Amino acid sequence: MTLSSIYAVISPLLAMPAQPHPLSDLLKGTNLYLIGMMGSGKSTIGHLLGRRLNYRFIDTDELIEQTTGQTIPEIFQQHGEASFRQIETDVLAQVSAYTRLVVATGGGIVTQPYNWSYLHHGLVIWLEVPLAVLQRRLQGDTGRPLLQSDGWTERLQALLEQRQPLYAQADVRVTVTAQQSPKAVTRQTLEQIGQVLRSPTPEPPPIAP
């Protein structure tokens, strides 16, 4: 995978004109990185956030598939999870060089410590979705390599428990309920982004004489 292949996918998006939005001045082009479990709605909410903010939307899983010519399940099957994680890190590193992006990331991107150095280039947003909602959304989904077993519900719960402390490092934590529509989640996310950006930066403690 090369930088030119990534650029070929992203460059058409960079040509989109950006119009002012109430949060634009506060964001100053800062990327938004959506993290959370598979099935949490990162791609759906990411698209909606991009439209509201006139940001470009990118899904790292889709970008991986476009630049490798393989589906995520194929990469897992033929090369293993470790190889996929390395590709994911390479893609994230290159995406982080751009600005004015809403980036939907893979659910396991937080498990690689080095990825945080790229995520912290922007504002990290955790879409926190209840386990029961995730199970309902993922029922019958054959595109999730880590859930292709008879005990997939237990596997999903174990992954959630493992990753929750990592997701909790996000700058913004959006708690999603089963009743909320994507538009409602998007409004909530924008409100919480505004609150974080407008909150005063704490002053360092005074130096003792």
C-alpha atoms as a PDB file:
ATOM      1  CA  MET A   1       0.000   0.000   0.000  1.00  0.00           C
ATOM      2  CA  THR A   2       1.428   3.363  -1.012  1.00  0.00           C
ATOM      3  CA  LEU A   3       0.671   6.990  -0.268  1.00  0.00           C
ATOM      4  CA  SER A   4      -0.357   7.564  -3.872  1.00  0.00           C
ATOM      5  CA  SER A   5      -3.044   4.879  -3.613  1.00  0.00           C
ATOM      6  CA  ILE A   6      -4.468   6.555  -0.513  1.00  0.00           C
ATOM      7  CA  TYR A   7      -4.312   9.967  -2.169  1.00  0.00           C
ATOM      8  CA  ALA A   8      -6.150   8.667  -5.236  1.00  0.00           C
ATOM      9  CA  VAL A   9      -9.112   7.808  -3.011  1.00  0.00           C
ATOM     10  CA  ILE A  10      -9.059  10.921  -0.836  1.00  0.00           C
ATOM     11  CA  SER A  11      -8.183  13.579  -3.421  1.00  0.00           C
ATOM     12  CA  PRO A  12     -11.644  13.743  -5.058  1.00  0.00           C
ATOM     13  CA  LEU A  13     -13.128  14.437  -1.619  1.00  0.00           C
ATOM     14  CA  LEU A  14     -10.676  17.271  -1.027  1.00  0.00           C
ATOM     15  CA  ALA A  15     -12.148  19.152  -3.965  1.00  0.00           C
ATOM     16  CA  MET A  16     -15.506  19.546  -2.213  1.00  0.00           C
ATOM     17  CA  PRO A  17     -16.202  23.191  -1.254  1.00  0.00           C
ATOM     18  CA  ALA A  18     -16.566  23.897   2.436  1.00  0.00           C
ATOM     19  CA  GLN A  19     -19.275  26.274   3.670  1.00  0.00           C
ATOM     20  CA  PRO A  20     -19.267  27.963   7.099  1.00  0.00           C
ATOM     21  CA  HIS A  21     -20.907  26.129  10.014  1.00  0.00           C
ATOM     22  CA  PRO A  22     -21.385  27.355  13.604  1.00  0.00           C
ATOM     23  CA  LEU A  23     -18.683  24.936  14.797  1.00  0.00           C
ATOM     24  CA  SER A  24     -16.290  25.615  11.918  1.00  0.00           C
ATOM     25  CA  ASP A  25     -14.445  28.455  13.635  1.00  0.00           C
ATOM     26  CA  LEU A  26     -13.994  26.373  16.768  1.00  0.00           C
ATOM     27  CA  LEU A  27     -12.880  23.232  14.939  1.00  0.00           C
ATOM     28  CA  LYS A  28     -10.403  25.111  12.713  1.00  0.00           C
ATOM     29  CA  GLY A  29     -10.208  22.175  10.334  1.00  0.00           C
ATOM     30  CA  THR A  30      -9.550  19.621  13.071  1.00  0.00           C
ATOM     31  CA  ASN A  31     -10.411  16.066  12.031  1.00  0.00           C
ATOM     32  CA  LEU A  32     -13.107  14.137  13.888  1.00  0.00           C
ATOM     33  CA  TYR A  33     -12.340  10.469  14.586  1.00  0.00           C
ATOM     34  CA  LEU A  34     -15.285   8.247  15.456  1.00  0.00           C
ATOM     35  CA  ILE A  35     -14.433   5.229  17.584  1.00  0.00           C
ATOM     36  CA  GLY A  36     -16.618   2.517  19.067  1.00  0.00           C
ATOM     37  CA  MET A  37     -17.692  -1.068  18.640  1.00  0.00           C
ATOM     38  CA  MET A  38     -18.690  -2.616  15.346  1.00  0.00           C
ATOM     39  CA  GLY A  39     -22.371  -1.873  14.845  1.00  0.00           C
ATOM     40  CA  SER A  40     -22.256   1.367  16.815  1.00  0.00           C
ATOM     41  CA  GLY A  41     -23.172   3.436  13.756  1.00  0.00           C
ATOM     42  CA  LYS A  42     -19.871   5.180  13.118  1.00  0.00           C
ATOM     43  CA  SER A  43     -20.308   5.218   9.335  1.00  0.00           C
ATOM     44  CA  THR A  44     -23.932   6.363   9.473  1.00  0.00           C
ATOM     45  CA  ILE A  45     -23.243   9.122  12.001  1.00  0.00           C
ATOM     46  CA  GLY A  46     -20.016  10.023  10.228  1.00  0.00           C
ATOM     47  CA  HIS A  47     -21.859  10.659   6.968  1.00  0.00           C
ATOM     48  CA  LEU A  48     -24.386  12.857   8.753  1.00  0.00           C
ATOM     49  CA  LEU A  49     -21.721  14.797  10.647  1.00  0.00           C
ATOM     50  CA  GLY A  50     -19.844  15.387   7.412  1.00  0.00           C
ATOM     51  CA  ARG A  51     -22.952  16.855   5.802  1.00  0.00           C
ATOM     52  CA  ARG A  52     -23.699  19.111   8.755  1.00  0.00           C
ATOM     53  CA  LEU A  53     -20.135  20.361   9.053  1.00  0.00           C
ATOM     54  CA  ASN A  54     -19.299  20.281   5.340  1.00  0.00           C
ATOM     55  CA  TYR A  55     -16.420  17.984   6.209  1.00  0.00           C
ATOM     56  CA  ARG A  56     -15.316  15.113   4.002  1.00  0.00           C
ATOM     57  CA  PHE A  57     -16.260  11.661   5.271  1.00  0.00           C
ATOM     58  CA  ILE A  58     -13.889   8.677   5.205  1.00  0.00           C
ATOM     59  CA  ASP A  59     -14.375   5.139   6.500  1.00  0.00           C
ATOM     60  CA  THR A  60     -11.009   3.491   7.224  1.00  0.00           C
ATOM     61  CA  ASP A  61     -12.374  -0.001   6.536  1.00  0.00           C
ATOM     62  CA  GLU A  62     -13.671   1.087   3.125  1.00  0.00           C
ATOM     63  CA  LEU A  63     -10.351   2.804   2.423  1.00  0.00           C
ATOM     64  CA  ILE A  64      -8.473  -0.380   3.305  1.00  0.00           C
ATOM     65  CA  GLU A  65     -10.636  -2.398   0.931  1.00  0.00           C
ATOM     66  CA  GLN A  66     -10.216   0.105  -1.903  1.00  0.00           C
ATOM     67  CA  THR A  67      -6.447   0.356  -1.567  1.00  0.00           C
ATOM     68  CA  THR A  68      -5.774  -3.375  -1.083  1.00  0.00           C
ATOM     69  CA  GLY A  69      -8.374  -4.734  -3.497  1.00  0.00           C
ATOM     70  CA  GLN A  70      -9.555  -7.159  -0.823  1.00  0.00           C
ATOM     71  CA  THR A  71     -12.478  -7.235   1.574  1.00  0.00           C
ATOM     72  CA  ILE A  72     -11.843  -7.103   5.317  1.00  0.00           C
ATOM     73  CA  PRO A  73     -12.863 -10.785   5.763  1.00  0.00           C
ATOM     74  CA  GLU A  74     -10.468 -11.764   2.950  1.00  0.00           C
ATOM     75  CA  ILE A  75      -7.592  -9.919   4.604  1.00  0.00           C
ATOM     76  CA  PHE A  76      -8.295 -11.636   7.921  1.00  0.00           C
ATOM     77  CA  GLN A  77      -8.575 -15.039   6.280  1.00  0.00           C
ATOM     78  CA  GLN A  78      -5.531 -14.813   4.034  1.00  0.00           C
ATOM     79  CA  HIS A  79      -3.151 -12.701   6.113  1.00  0.00           C
ATOM     80  CA  GLY A  80      -4.434 -12.752   9.688  1.00  0.00           C
ATOM     81  CA  GLU A  81      -5.521 -10.074  12.134  1.00  0.00           C
ATOM     82  CA  ALA A  82      -1.983  -8.832  12.829  1.00  0.00           C
ATOM     83  CA  SER A  83      -1.475  -7.964   9.149  1.00  0.00           C
ATOM     84  CA  PHE A  84      -4.848  -6.235   9.040  1.00  0.00           C
ATOM     85  CA  ARG A  85      -3.944  -4.129  12.088  1.00  0.00           C
ATOM     86  CA  GLN A  86      -0.701  -3.031  10.439  1.00  0.00           C
ATOM     87  CA  ILE A  87      -2.552  -2.005   7.273  1.00  0.00           C
ATOM     88  CA  GLU A  88      -5.095  -0.171   9.439  1.00  0.00           C
ATOM     89  CA  THR A  89      -2.310   1.754  11.176  1.00  0.00           C
ATOM     90  CA  ASP A  90      -0.703   2.654   7.829  1.00  0.00           C
ATOM     91  CA  VAL A  91      -4.010   3.984   6.517  1.00  0.00           C
ATOM     92  CA  LEU A  92      -4.697   5.956   9.696  1.00  0.00           C
ATOM     93  CA  ALA A  93      -1.231   7.496   9.566  1.00  0.00           C
ATOM     94  CA  GLN A  94      -1.800   8.745   6.032  1.00  0.00           C
ATOM     95  CA  VAL A  95      -5.362   9.934   6.676  1.00  0.00           C
ATOM     96  CA  SER A  96      -4.193  11.964   9.682  1.00  0.00           C
ATOM     97  CA  ALA A  97      -2.087  14.130   7.353  1.00  0.00           C
ATOM     98  CA  TYR A  98      -5.283  15.679   5.962  1.00  0.00           C
ATOM     99  CA  THR A  99      -7.707  18.115   7.585  1.00  0.00           C
ATOM    100  CA  ARG A 100     -11.472  18.716   7.608  1.00  0.00           C
ATOM    101  CA  LEU A 101     -12.286  15.005   7.717  1.00  0.00           C
ATOM    102  CA  VAL A 102     -14.832  12.953   9.619  1.00  0.00           C
ATOM    103  CA  VAL A 103     -13.196   9.538   9.946  1.00  0.00           C
ATOM    104  CA  ALA A 104     -15.114   6.390  10.900  1.00  0.00           C
ATOM    105  CA  THR A 105     -12.567   3.941  12.276  1.00  0.00           C
ATOM    106  CA  GLY A 106     -12.641   0.185  12.781  1.00  0.00           C
ATOM    107  CA  GLY A 107     -13.796  -1.052  16.156  1.00  0.00           C
ATOM    108  CA  GLY A 108     -10.366  -2.443  17.073  1.00  0.00           C
ATOM    109  CA  ILE A 109      -8.278   0.547  16.048  1.00  0.00           C
ATOM    110  CA  VAL A 110      -7.954   1.599  19.697  1.00  0.00           C
ATOM    111  CA  THR A 111      -6.220  -1.670  20.626  1.00  0.00           C
ATOM    112  CA  GLN A 112      -2.974  -0.599  18.976  1.00  0.00           C
ATOM    113  CA  PRO A 113      -1.298   1.965  21.270  1.00  0.00           C
ATOM    114  CA  TYR A 114       0.583   3.670  18.429  1.00  0.00           C
ATOM    115  CA  ASN A 115      -2.712   4.513  16.706  1.00  0.00           C
ATOM    116  CA  TRP A 116      -3.501   6.988  19.465  1.00  0.00           C
ATOM    117  CA  SER A 117      -0.641   9.198  18.311  1.00  0.00           C
ATOM    118  CA  TYR A 118      -2.610   9.684  15.086  1.00  0.00           C
ATOM    119  CA  LEU A 119      -6.064   9.829  16.648  1.00  0.00           C
ATOM    120  CA  HIS A 120      -4.920  12.622  18.946  1.00  0.00           C
ATOM    121  CA  HIS A 121      -4.195  14.759  15.883  1.00  0.00           C
ATOM    122  CA  GLY A 122      -7.946  15.347  15.931  1.00  0.00           C
ATOM    123  CA  LEU A 123     -10.988  15.153  18.194  1.00  0.00           C
ATOM    124  CA  VAL A 124     -11.829  11.575  19.215  1.00  0.00           C
ATOM    125  CA  ILE A 125     -15.528  10.754  19.624  1.00  0.00           C
ATOM    126  CA  TRP A 126     -16.764   7.522  21.206  1.00  0.00           C
ATOM    127  CA  LEU A 127     -20.208   6.320  20.161  1.00  0.00           C
ATOM    128  CA  GLU A 128     -21.170   4.254  23.206  1.00  0.00           C
ATOM    129  CA  VAL A 129     -23.974   1.839  22.321  1.00  0.00           C
ATOM    130  CA  PRO A 130     -25.542  -0.749  24.693  1.00  0.00           C
ATOM    131  CA  LEU A 131     -24.578  -4.374  24.156  1.00  0.00           C
ATOM    132  CA  ALA A 132     -28.175  -5.428  23.454  1.00  0.00           C
ATOM    133  CA  VAL A 133     -28.424  -2.877  20.649  1.00  0.00           C
ATOM    134  CA  LEU A 134     -25.116  -4.040  19.160  1.00  0.00           C
ATOM    135  CA  GLN A 135     -26.307  -7.654  19.237  1.00  0.00           C
ATOM    136  CA  ARG A 136     -29.519  -6.755  17.444  1.00  0.00           C
ATOM    137  CA  ARG A 137     -27.717  -4.756  14.762  1.00  0.00           C
ATOM    138  CA  LEU A 138     -25.065  -7.419  14.153  1.00  0.00           C
ATOM    139  CA  GLN A 139     -27.380 -10.423  14.038  1.00  0.00           C
ATOM    140  CA  GLY A 140     -26.697 -12.284  10.792  1.00  0.00           C
ATOM    141  CA  ASP A 141     -23.879  -9.933   9.709  1.00  0.00           C
ATOM    142  CA  THR A 142     -21.320 -12.067   7.848  1.00  0.00           C
ATOM    143  CA  GLY A 143     -18.858  -9.233   7.251  1.00  0.00           C
ATOM    144  CA  ARG A 144     -17.394  -9.209  10.770  1.00  0.00           C
ATOM    145  CA  PRO A 145     -14.409 -11.599  10.906  1.00  0.00           C
ATOM    146  CA  LEU A 146     -14.149 -11.543  14.699  1.00  0.00           C
ATOM    147  CA  LEU A 147     -17.769 -12.670  15.129  1.00  0.00           C
ATOM    148  CA  GLN A 148     -17.910 -15.635  12.742  1.00  0.00           C
ATOM    149  CA  SER A 149     -18.519 -18.382  15.303  1.00  0.00           C
ATOM    150  CA  ASP A 150     -21.446 -19.961  17.134  1.00  0.00           C
ATOM    151  CA  GLY A 151     -20.623 -18.061  20.307  1.00  0.00           C
ATOM    152  CA  TRP A 152     -20.535 -14.680  18.602  1.00  0.00           C
ATOM    153  CA  THR A 153     -22.680 -12.928  21.228  1.00  0.00           C
ATOM    154  CA  GLU A 154     -20.259 -13.931  23.987  1.00  0.00           C
ATOM    155  CA  ARG A 155     -17.350 -12.902  21.776  1.00  0.00           C
ATOM    156  CA  LEU A 156     -18.979  -9.521  21.180  1.00  0.00           C
ATOM    157  CA  GLN A 157     -19.442  -8.992  24.911  1.00  0.00           C
ATOM    158  CA  ALA A 158     -15.831  -9.962  25.607  1.00  0.00           C
ATOM    159  CA  LEU A 159     -14.553  -7.527  22.956  1.00  0.00           C
ATOM    160  CA  LEU A 160     -16.710  -4.744  24.375  1.00  0.00           C
ATOM    161  CA  GLU A 161     -15.427  -5.341  27.902  1.00  0.00           C
ATOM    162  CA  GLN A 162     -11.849  -5.419  26.637  1.00  0.00           C
ATOM    163  CA  ARG A 163     -12.148  -2.223  24.624  1.00  0.00           C
ATOM    164  CA  GLN A 164     -14.311  -0.049  26.888  1.00  0.00           C
ATOM    165  CA  PRO A 165     -11.369   1.346  28.904  1.00  0.00           C
ATOM    166  CA  LEU A 166      -9.678   2.258  25.621  1.00  0.00           C
ATOM    167  CA  TYR A 167     -12.772   3.899  24.151  1.00  0.00           C
ATOM    168  CA  ALA A 168     -13.095   5.868  27.398  1.00  0.00           C
ATOM    169  CA  GLN A 169      -9.940   7.798  26.464  1.00  0.00           C
ATOM    170  CA  ALA A 170     -11.972   9.696  23.841  1.00  0.00           C
ATOM    171  CA  ASP A 171     -12.381  13.463  24.010  1.00  0.00           C
ATOM    172  CA  VAL A 172     -16.150  13.176  23.556  1.00  0.00           C
ATOM    173  CA  ARG A 173     -18.347  10.340  24.848  1.00  0.00           C
ATOM    174  CA  VAL A 174     -21.754  10.110  23.168  1.00  0.00           C
ATOM    175  CA  THR A 175     -24.088   7.698  24.959  1.00  0.00           C
ATOM    176  CA  VAL A 176     -26.564   6.317  22.420  1.00  0.00           C
ATOM    177  CA  THR A 177     -29.918   4.829  23.429  1.00  0.00           C
ATOM    178  CA  ALA A 178     -31.943   2.229  21.549  1.00  0.00           C
ATOM    179  CA  GLN A 179     -34.672   4.762  20.803  1.00  0.00           C
ATOM    180  CA  GLN A 180     -32.479   7.438  19.211  1.00  0.00           C
ATOM    181  CA  SER A 181     -32.538   7.987  15.463  1.00  0.00           C
ATOM    182  CA  PRO A 182     -29.283   8.660  13.571  1.00  0.00           C
ATOM    183  CA  LYS A 183     -30.273  12.314  13.210  1.00  0.00           C
ATOM    184  CA  ALA A 184     -30.827  12.583  16.954  1.00  0.00           C
ATOM    185  CA  VAL A 185     -27.433  11.019  17.650  1.00  0.00           C
ATOM    186  CA  THR A 186     -25.844  13.451  15.205  1.00  0.00           C
ATOM    187  CA  ARG A 187     -27.460  16.437  16.950  1.00  0.00           C
ATOM    188  CA  GLN A 188     -26.289  15.143  20.321  1.00  0.00           C
ATOM    189  CA  THR A 189     -22.782  14.630  18.992  1.00  0.00           C
ATOM    190  CA  LEU A 190     -22.598  18.167  17.606  1.00  0.00           C
ATOM    191  CA  GLU A 191     -23.843  19.583  20.907  1.00  0.00           C
ATOM    192  CA  GLN A 192     -21.224  17.673  22.873  1.00  0.00           C
ATOM    193  CA  ILE A 193     -18.458  18.661  20.464  1.00  0.00           C
ATOM    194  CA  GLY A 194     -19.445  22.287  20.980  1.00  0.00           C
ATOM    195  CA  GLN A 195     -19.392  21.869  24.756  1.00  0.00           C
ATOM    196  CA  VAL A 196     -15.905  20.362  24.681  1.00  0.00           C
ATOM    197  CA  LEU A 197     -14.523  23.012  22.349  1.00  0.00           C
ATOM    198  CA  ARG A 198     -16.033  25.857  24.361  1.00  0.00           C
ATOM    199  CA  SER A 199     -14.927  24.560  27.757  1.00  0.00           C
ATOM    200  CA  PRO A 200     -12.035  26.541  29.214  1.00  0.00           C
ATOM    201  CA  THR A 201      -8.649  24.891  29.247  1.00  0.00           C
ATOM    202  CA  PRO A 202      -7.612  24.228  32.844  1.00  0.00           C
ATOM    203  CA  GLU A 203      -4.682  26.314  33.999  1.00  0.00           C
ATOM    204  CA  PRO A 204      -1.568  24.491  35.203  1.00  0.00           C
ATOM    205  CA  PRO A 205      -1.046  24.419  38.962  1.00  0.00           C
ATOM    206  CA  PRO A 206       1.139  27.207  40.348  1.00  0.00           C
ATOM    207  CA  ILE A 207       4.792  26.456  40.847  1.00  0.00           C
ATOM    208  CA  ALA A 208       5.712  26.201  44.495  1.00  0.00           C
ATOM    209  CA  PRO A 209       8.228  28.814  45.638  1.00  0.00           C
END
